[in-house]
Amino acid sequence: MPVERGDSIRVGISSCLLGRRVRFDAGHKQDRYITNILAHYFEFVPVCPEMEVGMGIPREAVHLEGGSEAPRMIGVKSGEDWTDMMNSYSKSRVEKSDLSAISGYILKKDSPSCGMERVRLHGPAGQVRRIASGLYASALKRHNPLLPVEEEGRLYGARLRENFIVRVFAFHRLNQLFATRFSPANVIRFHTIHKYILMAHSPELYGELGRLVARMKTMEQSSFRDSYSRVFMAALQTRATTKKNTNVLLHILGFLKKHLEPGDKARILEIIEDYHREMAPLIVPITLVKHYIDKFEIEYMGEQVYLNPHPKELMLRNHV
């Protein structure tokens, strides 16, 4: 049940990454991967905290000073302190309706308002350390700790990019499941079709989710929803590895073995081994096993999100 084009998946984003001239120097930081590729699949909700808080365009640059737990946002030249205004704005902004149904967020790296991590923090003796988070980014993560959040610069790492996009589509499906009063049957189906993608990320947390599902009828709906959502997203935040993907592929092969001729089974094992040795991208064994799943109409396997966690046009599994 992958999400394809046409489904409305809302993703928050720093406005400058879309090419909007909202930076302190009236410039932008348009990211072509975001605007040329991801924009086909996501409906972006742009936010520029510094502009929206009233700093103006152009404006004096600001940076963070003090301690990492409670940094101050200070004008670089004037020394004007924007901290209280930015914190108050950020707390109310992340609760507004246009951000209430988002499935992810892409932040501008290094920004004193939007930086997710490793933002420059200026100390009293002039030392600079990359240990802070932007004030708005911190409020965003506090308000919705399960929300997939990433910086645009990290999206150019193949594994980080895939992990983020897998989580965005998964969070969208999770929110659809729990949008209204849910039935045990719907939860069991959701859990079942996510079996192998969860195993590829965290077999341990997949087991914990299974125990939660087994206790579902003894729990309040809100308690089950919160617990399942927390563990589900924690599982997917754990990165899939070549070893775990190989184990999942071998599990899938177990469902196929009674349908396969010996030569076909040997060929699939050879391709899985090529992937395991990092001589072939994941898309190669995935495509091969999908062929046989479709050929033999194995419904249980055909519904597995692992085989189609995101639109194939994104080519996220095409790297070695």
C-alpha atoms as a PDB file:
ATOM      1  CA  MET A   1       0.000   0.000   0.000  1.00  0.00           C
ATOM      2  CA  PRO A   2       2.559   2.607  -1.051  1.00  0.00           C
ATOM      3  CA  VAL A   3       1.480   6.218  -1.294  1.00  0.00           C
ATOM      4  CA  GLU A   4       1.581   7.394  -4.876  1.00  0.00           C
ATOM      5  CA  ARG A   5       1.275  10.733  -6.605  1.00  0.00           C
ATOM      6  CA  GLY A   6      -2.021  12.423  -6.009  1.00  0.00           C
ATOM      7  CA  ASP A   7      -2.179  11.558  -2.305  1.00  0.00           C
ATOM      8  CA  SER A   8      -1.903  14.720  -0.235  1.00  0.00           C
ATOM      9  CA  ILE A   9       1.133  14.356   1.991  1.00  0.00           C
ATOM     10  CA  ARG A  10       1.833  17.651   3.701  1.00  0.00           C
ATOM     11  CA  VAL A  11       5.415  18.393   4.720  1.00  0.00           C
ATOM     12  CA  GLY A  12       6.583  21.509   6.549  1.00  0.00           C
ATOM     13  CA  ILE A  13       9.640  23.253   5.135  1.00  0.00           C
ATOM     14  CA  SER A  14      11.879  26.269   5.628  1.00  0.00           C
ATOM     15  CA  SER A  15      10.606  28.783   3.051  1.00  0.00           C
ATOM     16  CA  CYS A  16      14.041  29.655   1.670  1.00  0.00           C
ATOM     17  CA  LEU A  17      14.518  26.072   0.465  1.00  0.00           C
ATOM     18  CA  LEU A  18      11.647  26.589  -1.991  1.00  0.00           C
ATOM     19  CA  GLY A  19      13.375  29.604  -3.513  1.00  0.00           C
ATOM     20  CA  ARG A  20      11.490  32.257  -1.563  1.00  0.00           C
ATOM     21  CA  ARG A  21      13.608  35.348  -0.896  1.00  0.00           C
ATOM     22  CA  VAL A  22      13.137  35.492   2.842  1.00  0.00           C
ATOM     23  CA  ARG A  23      16.701  35.302   4.160  1.00  0.00           C
ATOM     24  CA  PHE A  24      18.421  38.086   6.081  1.00  0.00           C
ATOM     25  CA  ASP A  25      20.123  39.294   2.879  1.00  0.00           C
ATOM     26  CA  ALA A  26      16.871  39.053   0.831  1.00  0.00           C
ATOM     27  CA  GLY A  27      18.225  35.931  -0.850  1.00  0.00           C
ATOM     28  CA  HIS A  28      17.122  32.317  -0.865  1.00  0.00           C
ATOM     29  CA  LYS A  29      18.606  28.829  -0.597  1.00  0.00           C
ATOM     30  CA  GLN A  30      16.537  26.960  -3.173  1.00  0.00           C
ATOM     31  CA  ASP A  31      17.233  23.234  -3.118  1.00  0.00           C
ATOM     32  CA  ARG A  32      16.716  21.645  -6.528  1.00  0.00           C
ATOM     33  CA  TYR A  33      16.196  18.124  -5.178  1.00  0.00           C
ATOM     34  CA  ILE A  34      13.338  19.437  -3.082  1.00  0.00           C
ATOM     35  CA  THR A  35      11.724  21.660  -5.718  1.00  0.00           C
ATOM     36  CA  ASN A  36      12.333  19.446  -8.765  1.00  0.00           C
ATOM     37  CA  ILE A  37      11.718  15.989  -7.296  1.00  0.00           C
ATOM     38  CA  LEU A  38      10.115  15.916  -3.847  1.00  0.00           C
ATOM     39  CA  ALA A  39       7.604  18.607  -4.818  1.00  0.00           C
ATOM     40  CA  HIS A  40       5.902  16.038  -7.076  1.00  0.00           C
ATOM     41  CA  TYR A  41       5.019  13.934  -4.039  1.00  0.00           C
ATOM     42  CA  PHE A  42       4.685  16.358  -1.136  1.00  0.00           C
ATOM     43  CA  GLU A  43       2.497  19.389  -0.540  1.00  0.00           C
ATOM     44  CA  PHE A  44       4.887  21.785   1.157  1.00  0.00           C
ATOM     45  CA  VAL A  45       3.873  24.095   4.008  1.00  0.00           C
ATOM     46  CA  PRO A  46       6.523  26.873   4.007  1.00  0.00           C
ATOM     47  CA  VAL A  47       7.521  28.681   7.183  1.00  0.00           C
ATOM     48  CA  CYS A  48      10.186  31.330   7.781  1.00  0.00           C
ATOM     49  CA  PRO A  49      10.286  31.998  11.534  1.00  0.00           C
ATOM     50  CA  GLU A  50      12.554  35.044  11.308  1.00  0.00           C
ATOM     51  CA  MET A  51      10.339  36.766   8.763  1.00  0.00           C
ATOM     52  CA  GLU A  52       7.098  35.782  10.500  1.00  0.00           C
ATOM     53  CA  VAL A  53       8.331  36.993  13.888  1.00  0.00           C
ATOM     54  CA  GLY A  54       8.780  40.464  12.388  1.00  0.00           C
ATOM     55  CA  MET A  55      12.502  40.764  11.675  1.00  0.00           C
ATOM     56  CA  GLY A  56      11.873  42.034   8.149  1.00  0.00           C
ATOM     57  CA  ILE A  57      13.633  41.514   4.787  1.00  0.00           C
ATOM     58  CA  PRO A  58      16.482  42.324   4.544  1.00  0.00           C
ATOM     59  CA  ARG A  59      17.449  42.222   8.215  1.00  0.00           C
ATOM     60  CA  GLU A  60      20.339  42.029  10.569  1.00  0.00           C
ATOM     61  CA  ALA A  61      21.831  38.557  10.861  1.00  0.00           C
ATOM     62  CA  VAL A  62      21.345  36.777  14.181  1.00  0.00           C
ATOM     63  CA  HIS A  63      23.227  33.987  15.900  1.00  0.00           C
ATOM     64  CA  LEU A  64      22.899  31.871  19.032  1.00  0.00           C
ATOM     65  CA  GLU A  65      24.775  32.645  22.243  1.00  0.00           C
ATOM     66  CA  GLY A  66      25.034  31.096  25.692  1.00  0.00           C
ATOM     67  CA  GLY A  67      24.338  27.500  26.718  1.00  0.00           C
ATOM     68  CA  SER A  68      23.003  24.730  24.520  1.00  0.00           C
ATOM     69  CA  GLU A  69      20.013  24.058  26.797  1.00  0.00           C
ATOM     70  CA  ALA A  70      18.644  27.615  26.556  1.00  0.00           C
ATOM     71  CA  PRO A  71      20.529  29.581  23.867  1.00  0.00           C
ATOM     72  CA  ARG A  72      19.798  33.245  23.211  1.00  0.00           C
ATOM     73  CA  MET A  73      19.113  34.603  19.694  1.00  0.00           C
ATOM     74  CA  ILE A  74      21.124  37.800  19.382  1.00  0.00           C
ATOM     75  CA  GLY A  75      21.608  40.369  16.602  1.00  0.00           C
ATOM     76  CA  VAL A  76      25.186  40.017  15.328  1.00  0.00           C
ATOM     77  CA  LYS A  77      25.883  43.773  15.190  1.00  0.00           C
ATOM     78  CA  SER A  78      23.288  45.442  17.412  1.00  0.00           C
ATOM     79  CA  GLY A  79      23.132  42.860  20.173  1.00  0.00           C
ATOM     80  CA  GLU A  80      19.320  42.977  20.061  1.00  0.00           C
ATOM     81  CA  ASP A  81      17.852  40.003  21.876  1.00  0.00           C
ATOM     82  CA  TRP A  82      15.117  38.173  19.920  1.00  0.00           C
ATOM     83  CA  THR A  83      14.988  35.106  22.173  1.00  0.00           C
ATOM     84  CA  ASP A  84      11.731  35.634  24.036  1.00  0.00           C
ATOM     85  CA  MET A  85       9.865  36.787  20.952  1.00  0.00           C
ATOM     86  CA  MET A  86      11.130  33.842  18.872  1.00  0.00           C
ATOM     87  CA  ASN A  87      10.366  31.287  21.573  1.00  0.00           C
ATOM     88  CA  SER A  88       6.843  32.650  22.050  1.00  0.00           C
ATOM     89  CA  TYR A  89       6.232  32.741  18.302  1.00  0.00           C
ATOM     90  CA  SER A  90       7.630  29.219  17.792  1.00  0.00           C
ATOM     91  CA  LYS A  91       5.472  27.681  20.516  1.00  0.00           C
ATOM     92  CA  SER A  92       2.278  29.071  18.965  1.00  0.00           C
ATOM     93  CA  ARG A  93       3.336  28.593  15.317  1.00  0.00           C
ATOM     94  CA  VAL A  94       3.885  24.837  15.530  1.00  0.00           C
ATOM     95  CA  GLU A  95       0.345  24.446  16.916  1.00  0.00           C
ATOM     96  CA  LYS A  96      -1.381  26.247  14.021  1.00  0.00           C
ATOM     97  CA  SER A  97      -3.749  24.375  11.755  1.00  0.00           C
ATOM     98  CA  ASP A  98      -1.572  24.384   8.633  1.00  0.00           C
ATOM     99  CA  LEU A  99       1.029  22.330  10.525  1.00  0.00           C
ATOM    100  CA  SER A 100      -1.456  20.081  12.327  1.00  0.00           C
ATOM    101  CA  ALA A 101      -1.577  17.374   9.651  1.00  0.00           C
ATOM    102  CA  ILE A 102       1.971  17.363   8.328  1.00  0.00           C
ATOM    103  CA  SER A 103       3.832  14.071   7.913  1.00  0.00           C
ATOM    104  CA  GLY A 104       7.379  15.443   7.959  1.00  0.00           C
ATOM    105  CA  TYR A 105       9.508  18.575   8.049  1.00  0.00           C
ATOM    106  CA  ILE A 106      12.607  19.715   6.126  1.00  0.00           C
ATOM    107  CA  LEU A 107      14.645  22.352   7.934  1.00  0.00           C
ATOM    108  CA  LYS A 108      17.409  24.721   6.789  1.00  0.00           C
ATOM    109  CA  LYS A 109      20.717  23.543   8.186  1.00  0.00           C
ATOM    110  CA  ASP A 110      22.863  25.912  10.276  1.00  0.00           C
ATOM    111  CA  SER A 111      19.986  28.359  10.822  1.00  0.00           C
ATOM    112  CA  PRO A 112      19.710  29.855  14.332  1.00  0.00           C
ATOM    113  CA  SER A 113      15.950  29.443  14.024  1.00  0.00           C
ATOM    114  CA  CYS A 114      15.553  26.330  11.840  1.00  0.00           C
ATOM    115  CA  GLY A 115      18.754  24.321  12.262  1.00  0.00           C
ATOM    116  CA  MET A 116      18.005  20.785  13.441  1.00  0.00           C
ATOM    117  CA  GLU A 117      21.389  20.165  15.059  1.00  0.00           C
ATOM    118  CA  ARG A 118      25.018  21.317  15.067  1.00  0.00           C
ATOM    119  CA  VAL A 119      24.060  24.999  14.838  1.00  0.00           C
ATOM    120  CA  ARG A 120      26.883  27.371  15.828  1.00  0.00           C
ATOM    121  CA  LEU A 121      26.699  28.427  19.463  1.00  0.00           C
ATOM    122  CA  HIS A 122      28.834  31.412  20.476  1.00  0.00           C
ATOM    123  CA  GLY A 123      30.305  31.246  23.972  1.00  0.00           C
ATOM    124  CA  PRO A 124      31.277  34.076  26.338  1.00  0.00           C
ATOM    125  CA  ALA A 125      34.991  33.844  25.547  1.00  0.00           C
ATOM    126  CA  GLY A 126      34.460  33.959  21.802  1.00  0.00           C
ATOM    127  CA  GLN A 127      34.607  30.206  21.262  1.00  0.00           C
ATOM    128  CA  VAL A 128      32.166  28.730  18.739  1.00  0.00           C
ATOM    129  CA  ARG A 129      30.835  25.194  19.049  1.00  0.00           C
ATOM    130  CA  ARG A 130      28.403  23.321  16.789  1.00  0.00           C
ATOM    131  CA  ILE A 131      26.180  21.913  19.511  1.00  0.00           C
ATOM    132  CA  ALA A 132      22.891  23.861  19.361  1.00  0.00           C
ATOM    133  CA  SER A 133      19.497  23.504  17.702  1.00  0.00           C
ATOM    134  CA  GLY A 134      17.570  26.430  16.253  1.00  0.00           C
ATOM    135  CA  LEU A 135      14.893  27.905  18.511  1.00  0.00           C
ATOM    136  CA  TYR A 136      12.026  27.158  16.133  1.00  0.00           C
ATOM    137  CA  ALA A 137      13.364  23.672  15.365  1.00  0.00           C
ATOM    138  CA  SER A 138      13.522  22.899  19.083  1.00  0.00           C
ATOM    139  CA  ALA A 139       9.893  23.960  19.571  1.00  0.00           C
ATOM    140  CA  LEU A 140       8.836  21.872  16.574  1.00  0.00           C
ATOM    141  CA  LYS A 141      10.480  18.724  17.926  1.00  0.00           C
ATOM    142  CA  ARG A 142       9.071  19.254  21.412  1.00  0.00           C
ATOM    143  CA  HIS A 143       5.560  19.692  20.050  1.00  0.00           C
ATOM    144  CA  ASN A 144       5.613  16.605  17.819  1.00  0.00           C
ATOM    145  CA  PRO A 145       8.453  14.284  18.830  1.00  0.00           C
ATOM    146  CA  LEU A 146       7.332  11.523  16.434  1.00  0.00           C
ATOM    147  CA  LEU A 147       7.395  13.772  13.358  1.00  0.00           C
ATOM    148  CA  PRO A 148      10.091  12.841  10.800  1.00  0.00           C
ATOM    149  CA  VAL A 149      12.426  15.848  10.677  1.00  0.00           C
ATOM    150  CA  GLU A 150      15.518  16.300   8.527  1.00  0.00           C
ATOM    151  CA  GLU A 151      17.823  19.028   7.222  1.00  0.00           C
ATOM    152  CA  GLU A 152      18.178  19.649   3.511  1.00  0.00           C
ATOM    153  CA  GLY A 153      21.931  19.063   3.501  1.00  0.00           C
ATOM    154  CA  ARG A 154      21.555  15.557   4.949  1.00  0.00           C
ATOM    155  CA  LEU A 155      19.126  14.601   2.169  1.00  0.00           C
ATOM    156  CA  TYR A 156      22.121  14.248  -0.144  1.00  0.00           C
ATOM    157  CA  GLY A 157      23.278  11.195   1.809  1.00  0.00           C
ATOM    158  CA  ALA A 158      21.562   8.219   0.157  1.00  0.00           C
ATOM    159  CA  ARG A 159      20.818   6.288   3.358  1.00  0.00           C
ATOM    160  CA  LEU A 160      19.663   9.347   5.312  1.00  0.00           C
ATOM    161  CA  ARG A 161      17.461  10.438   2.407  1.00  0.00           C
ATOM    162  CA  GLU A 162      15.803   7.040   2.111  1.00  0.00           C
ATOM    163  CA  ASN A 163      15.292   6.747   5.864  1.00  0.00           C
ATOM    164  CA  PHE A 164      13.631  10.153   6.046  1.00  0.00           C
ATOM    165  CA  ILE A 165      11.310   9.551   3.097  1.00  0.00           C
ATOM    166  CA  VAL A 166      10.386   6.067   4.318  1.00  0.00           C
ATOM    167  CA  ARG A 167       9.397   7.651   7.650  1.00  0.00           C
ATOM    168  CA  VAL A 168       7.373  10.427   6.008  1.00  0.00           C
ATOM    169  CA  PHE A 169       5.249   7.985   3.997  1.00  0.00           C
ATOM    170  CA  ALA A 170       4.931   5.669   6.999  1.00  0.00           C
ATOM    171  CA  PHE A 171       3.886   8.504   9.326  1.00  0.00           C
ATOM    172  CA  HIS A 172       1.246   9.503   6.767  1.00  0.00           C
ATOM    173  CA  ARG A 173      -0.162   5.956   6.769  1.00  0.00           C
ATOM    174  CA  LEU A 174      -0.008   5.798  10.569  1.00  0.00           C
ATOM    175  CA  ASN A 175      -1.959   9.054  10.869  1.00  0.00           C
ATOM    176  CA  GLN A 176      -4.564   7.734   8.436  1.00  0.00           C
ATOM    177  CA  LEU A 177      -4.978   4.606  10.588  1.00  0.00           C
ATOM    178  CA  PHE A 178      -5.530   6.594  13.783  1.00  0.00           C
ATOM    179  CA  ALA A 179      -7.377   9.581  12.280  1.00  0.00           C
ATOM    180  CA  THR A 180     -10.701   8.278  13.594  1.00  0.00           C
ATOM    181  CA  ARG A 181     -11.811   5.560  15.987  1.00  0.00           C
ATOM    182  CA  PHE A 182      -9.995   2.460  14.803  1.00  0.00           C
ATOM    183  CA  SER A 183     -10.880  -1.211  14.907  1.00  0.00           C
ATOM    184  CA  PRO A 184      -8.643  -4.104  15.996  1.00  0.00           C
ATOM    185  CA  ALA A 185      -9.006  -5.574  12.512  1.00  0.00           C
ATOM    186  CA  ASN A 186      -7.627  -2.397  10.908  1.00  0.00           C
ATOM    187  CA  VAL A 187      -4.695  -2.289  13.319  1.00  0.00           C
ATOM    188  CA  ILE A 188      -3.866  -5.960  12.718  1.00  0.00           C
ATOM    189  CA  ARG A 189      -3.898  -5.437   8.968  1.00  0.00           C
ATOM    190  CA  PHE A 190      -1.707  -2.334   9.282  1.00  0.00           C
ATOM    191  CA  HIS A 191       0.733  -4.201  11.511  1.00  0.00           C
ATOM    192  CA  THR A 192       0.757  -7.206   9.195  1.00  0.00           C
ATOM    193  CA  ILE A 193       1.557  -5.334   5.997  1.00  0.00           C
ATOM    194  CA  HIS A 194       4.373  -3.431   7.746  1.00  0.00           C
ATOM    195  CA  LYS A 195       6.004  -6.615   9.076  1.00  0.00           C
ATOM    196  CA  TYR A 196       8.995  -6.754   6.765  1.00  0.00           C
ATOM    197  CA  ILE A 197       9.773  -3.055   6.605  1.00  0.00           C
ATOM    198  CA  LEU A 198       9.821  -3.028  10.416  1.00  0.00           C
ATOM    199  CA  MET A 199      12.074  -6.081  10.468  1.00  0.00           C
ATOM    200  CA  ALA A 200      14.449  -4.371   8.030  1.00  0.00           C
ATOM    201  CA  HIS A 201      14.809  -1.483  10.478  1.00  0.00           C
ATOM    202  CA  SER A 202      14.452  -2.973  13.963  1.00  0.00           C
ATOM    203  CA  PRO A 203      13.482  -6.629  14.552  1.00  0.00           C
ATOM    204  CA  GLU A 204      13.525  -5.940  18.300  1.00  0.00           C
ATOM    205  CA  LEU A 205      10.978  -3.113  18.124  1.00  0.00           C
ATOM    206  CA  TYR A 206       8.880  -5.120  15.650  1.00  0.00           C
ATOM    207  CA  GLY A 207       8.616  -7.739  18.401  1.00  0.00           C
ATOM    208  CA  GLU A 208       7.596  -5.053  20.905  1.00  0.00           C
ATOM    209  CA  LEU A 209       4.896  -3.836  18.532  1.00  0.00           C
ATOM    210  CA  GLY A 210       3.592  -7.391  18.186  1.00  0.00           C
ATOM    211  CA  ARG A 211       3.243  -7.640  21.962  1.00  0.00           C
ATOM    212  CA  LEU A 212       1.360  -4.336  21.986  1.00  0.00           C
ATOM    213  CA  VAL A 213      -1.047  -5.601  19.330  1.00  0.00           C
ATOM    214  CA  ALA A 214      -1.631  -8.758  21.356  1.00  0.00           C
ATOM    215  CA  ARG A 215      -2.677  -6.596  24.359  1.00  0.00           C
ATOM    216  CA  MET A 216      -4.684  -4.125  22.293  1.00  0.00           C
ATOM    217  CA  LYS A 217      -8.138  -5.207  23.533  1.00  0.00           C
ATOM    218  CA  THR A 218      -7.076  -4.698  27.156  1.00  0.00           C
ATOM    219  CA  MET A 219      -5.887  -1.109  26.587  1.00  0.00           C
ATOM    220  CA  GLU A 220      -7.663   2.208  26.236  1.00  0.00           C
ATOM    221  CA  GLN A 221      -7.709   3.262  22.575  1.00  0.00           C
ATOM    222  CA  SER A 222      -5.747   6.441  23.232  1.00  0.00           C
ATOM    223  CA  SER A 223      -3.125   4.575  25.241  1.00  0.00           C
ATOM    224  CA  PHE A 224      -2.693   1.928  22.552  1.00  0.00           C
ATOM    225  CA  ARG A 225      -2.525   4.555  19.809  1.00  0.00           C
ATOM    226  CA  ASP A 226       0.159   6.547  21.613  1.00  0.00           C
ATOM    227  CA  SER A 227       2.242   3.495  22.522  1.00  0.00           C
ATOM    228  CA  TYR A 228       2.008   1.886  19.091  1.00  0.00           C
ATOM    229  CA  SER A 229       2.818   5.160  17.310  1.00  0.00           C
ATOM    230  CA  ARG A 230       5.840   5.828  19.506  1.00  0.00           C
ATOM    231  CA  VAL A 231       7.380   2.383  19.007  1.00  0.00           C
ATOM    232  CA  PHE A 232       6.464   2.239  15.299  1.00  0.00           C
ATOM    233  CA  MET A 233       8.240   5.507  14.515  1.00  0.00           C
ATOM    234  CA  ALA A 234      11.207   4.619  16.745  1.00  0.00           C
ATOM    235  CA  ALA A 235      11.596   1.381  14.798  1.00  0.00           C
ATOM    236  CA  LEU A 236      11.690   3.157  11.453  1.00  0.00           C
ATOM    237  CA  GLN A 237      14.099   5.796  12.721  1.00  0.00           C
ATOM    238  CA  THR A 238      16.590   2.970  13.218  1.00  0.00           C
ATOM    239  CA  ARG A 239      18.301   2.717   9.858  1.00  0.00           C
ATOM    240  CA  ALA A 240      17.874  -0.371   7.723  1.00  0.00           C
ATOM    241  CA  THR A 241      21.157  -2.155   7.055  1.00  0.00           C
ATOM    242  CA  THR A 242      22.425  -4.470   4.346  1.00  0.00           C
ATOM    243  CA  LYS A 243      22.434  -7.346   6.830  1.00  0.00           C
ATOM    244  CA  LYS A 244      18.855  -6.752   7.976  1.00  0.00           C
ATOM    245  CA  ASN A 245      17.623  -6.300   4.393  1.00  0.00           C
ATOM    246  CA  THR A 246      19.325  -9.558   3.449  1.00  0.00           C
ATOM    247  CA  ASN A 247      17.548 -11.376   6.291  1.00  0.00           C
ATOM    248  CA  VAL A 248      14.210  -9.959   5.153  1.00  0.00           C
ATOM    249  CA  LEU A 249      14.843 -11.032   1.556  1.00  0.00           C
ATOM    250  CA  LEU A 250      15.636 -14.562   2.739  1.00  0.00           C
ATOM    251  CA  HIS A 251      12.390 -14.600   4.757  1.00  0.00           C
ATOM    252  CA  ILE A 252      10.481 -13.578   1.646  1.00  0.00           C
ATOM    253  CA  LEU A 253      12.245 -16.276  -0.352  1.00  0.00           C
ATOM    254  CA  GLY A 254      10.883 -18.773   2.165  1.00  0.00           C
ATOM    255  CA  PHE A 255       7.354 -17.914   0.996  1.00  0.00           C
ATOM    256  CA  LEU A 256       8.387 -18.484  -2.601  1.00  0.00           C
ATOM    257  CA  LYS A 257      10.396 -21.688  -2.350  1.00  0.00           C
ATOM    258  CA  LYS A 258       7.511 -24.103  -2.898  1.00  0.00           C
ATOM    259  CA  HIS A 259       6.628 -22.278  -6.129  1.00  0.00           C
ATOM    260  CA  LEU A 260      10.134 -22.039  -7.558  1.00  0.00           C
ATOM    261  CA  GLU A 261      12.141 -24.326  -9.761  1.00  0.00           C
ATOM    262  CA  PRO A 262      15.594 -25.079  -8.307  1.00  0.00           C
ATOM    263  CA  GLY A 263      17.282 -22.908 -10.918  1.00  0.00           C
ATOM    264  CA  ASP A 264      15.049 -19.940 -10.130  1.00  0.00           C
ATOM    265  CA  LYS A 265      15.714 -20.275  -6.401  1.00  0.00           C
ATOM    266  CA  ALA A 266      19.453 -20.456  -7.017  1.00  0.00           C
ATOM    267  CA  ARG A 267      19.297 -17.322  -9.182  1.00  0.00           C
ATOM    268  CA  ILE A 268      17.441 -15.365  -6.487  1.00  0.00           C
ATOM    269  CA  LEU A 269      19.937 -16.503  -3.838  1.00  0.00           C
ATOM    270  CA  GLU A 270      22.779 -15.382  -6.109  1.00  0.00           C
ATOM    271  CA  ILE A 271      21.238 -11.918  -6.516  1.00  0.00           C
ATOM    272  CA  ILE A 272      20.613 -11.620  -2.761  1.00  0.00           C
ATOM    273  CA  GLU A 273      24.240 -12.540  -2.148  1.00  0.00           C
ATOM    274  CA  ASP A 274      25.366  -9.884  -4.650  1.00  0.00           C
ATOM    275  CA  TYR A 275      23.342  -7.346  -2.680  1.00  0.00           C
ATOM    276  CA  HIS A 276      24.754  -8.622   0.616  1.00  0.00           C
ATOM    277  CA  ARG A 277      28.281  -8.178  -0.738  1.00  0.00           C
ATOM    278  CA  GLU A 278      27.302  -4.652  -1.899  1.00  0.00           C
ATOM    279  CA  MET A 279      27.783  -5.546  -5.548  1.00  0.00           C
ATOM    280  CA  ALA A 280      24.161  -4.754  -6.476  1.00  0.00           C
ATOM    281  CA  PRO A 281      21.596  -2.202  -5.219  1.00  0.00           C
ATOM    282  CA  LEU A 282      18.580  -3.308  -3.193  1.00  0.00           C
ATOM    283  CA  ILE A 283      16.232  -2.628  -6.085  1.00  0.00           C
ATOM    284  CA  VAL A 284      17.666  -5.646  -7.970  1.00  0.00           C
ATOM    285  CA  PRO A 285      16.620  -8.445  -5.569  1.00  0.00           C
ATOM    286  CA  ILE A 286      13.434  -6.536  -4.697  1.00  0.00           C
ATOM    287  CA  THR A 287      12.402  -6.425  -8.363  1.00  0.00           C
ATOM    288  CA  LEU A 288      13.161 -10.109  -8.801  1.00  0.00           C
ATOM    289  CA  VAL A 289      11.156 -11.315  -5.795  1.00  0.00           C
ATOM    290  CA  LYS A 290       8.269  -8.994  -6.730  1.00  0.00           C
ATOM    291  CA  HIS A 291       8.177 -10.666 -10.148  1.00  0.00           C
ATOM    292  CA  TYR A 292       7.597 -14.078  -8.596  1.00  0.00           C
ATOM    293  CA  ILE A 293       5.182 -12.771  -5.962  1.00  0.00           C
ATOM    294  CA  ASP A 294       3.065 -11.287  -8.754  1.00  0.00           C
ATOM    295  CA  LYS A 295       3.468 -14.353 -10.967  1.00  0.00           C
ATOM    296  CA  PHE A 296       2.254 -16.746  -8.285  1.00  0.00           C
ATOM    297  CA  GLU A 297      -0.283 -14.282  -6.821  1.00  0.00           C
ATOM    298  CA  ILE A 298       0.984 -14.543  -3.241  1.00  0.00           C
ATOM    299  CA  GLU A 299      -1.408 -12.026  -1.710  1.00  0.00           C
ATOM    300  CA  TYR A 300       0.150 -11.839   1.759  1.00  0.00           C
ATOM    301  CA  MET A 301       3.546 -10.933   0.329  1.00  0.00           C
ATOM    302  CA  GLY A 302       2.148  -8.675  -2.374  1.00  0.00           C
ATOM    303  CA  GLU A 303       0.629  -6.411   0.291  1.00  0.00           C
ATOM    304  CA  GLN A 304       3.896  -5.933   2.174  1.00  0.00           C
ATOM    305  CA  VAL A 305       4.868  -2.256   2.372  1.00  0.00           C
ATOM    306  CA  TYR A 306       8.525  -3.333   2.321  1.00  0.00           C
ATOM    307  CA  LEU A 307       8.221  -4.011  -1.411  1.00  0.00           C
ATOM    308  CA  ASN A 308       6.790  -0.537  -2.152  1.00  0.00           C
ATOM    309  CA  PRO A 309       7.491   1.850   0.753  1.00  0.00           C
ATOM    310  CA  HIS A 310       7.594   4.913  -1.528  1.00  0.00           C
ATOM    311  CA  PRO A 311       7.069   5.720  -5.231  1.00  0.00           C
ATOM    312  CA  LYS A 312       9.595   3.876  -7.384  1.00  0.00           C
ATOM    313  CA  GLU A 313      10.284   7.061  -9.351  1.00  0.00           C
ATOM    314  CA  LEU A 314      12.218   8.408  -6.366  1.00  0.00           C
ATOM    315  CA  MET A 315      14.799   5.645  -7.015  1.00  0.00           C
ATOM    316  CA  LEU A 316      15.795   5.497  -3.360  1.00  0.00           C
ATOM    317  CA  ARG A 317      16.869   1.859  -3.561  1.00  0.00           C
ATOM    318  CA  ASN A 318      19.018   2.265  -6.646  1.00  0.00           C
ATOM    319  CA  HIS A 319      22.288   2.957  -4.837  1.00  0.00           C
ATOM    320  CA  VAL A 320      24.897   0.432  -3.731  1.00  0.00           C
END
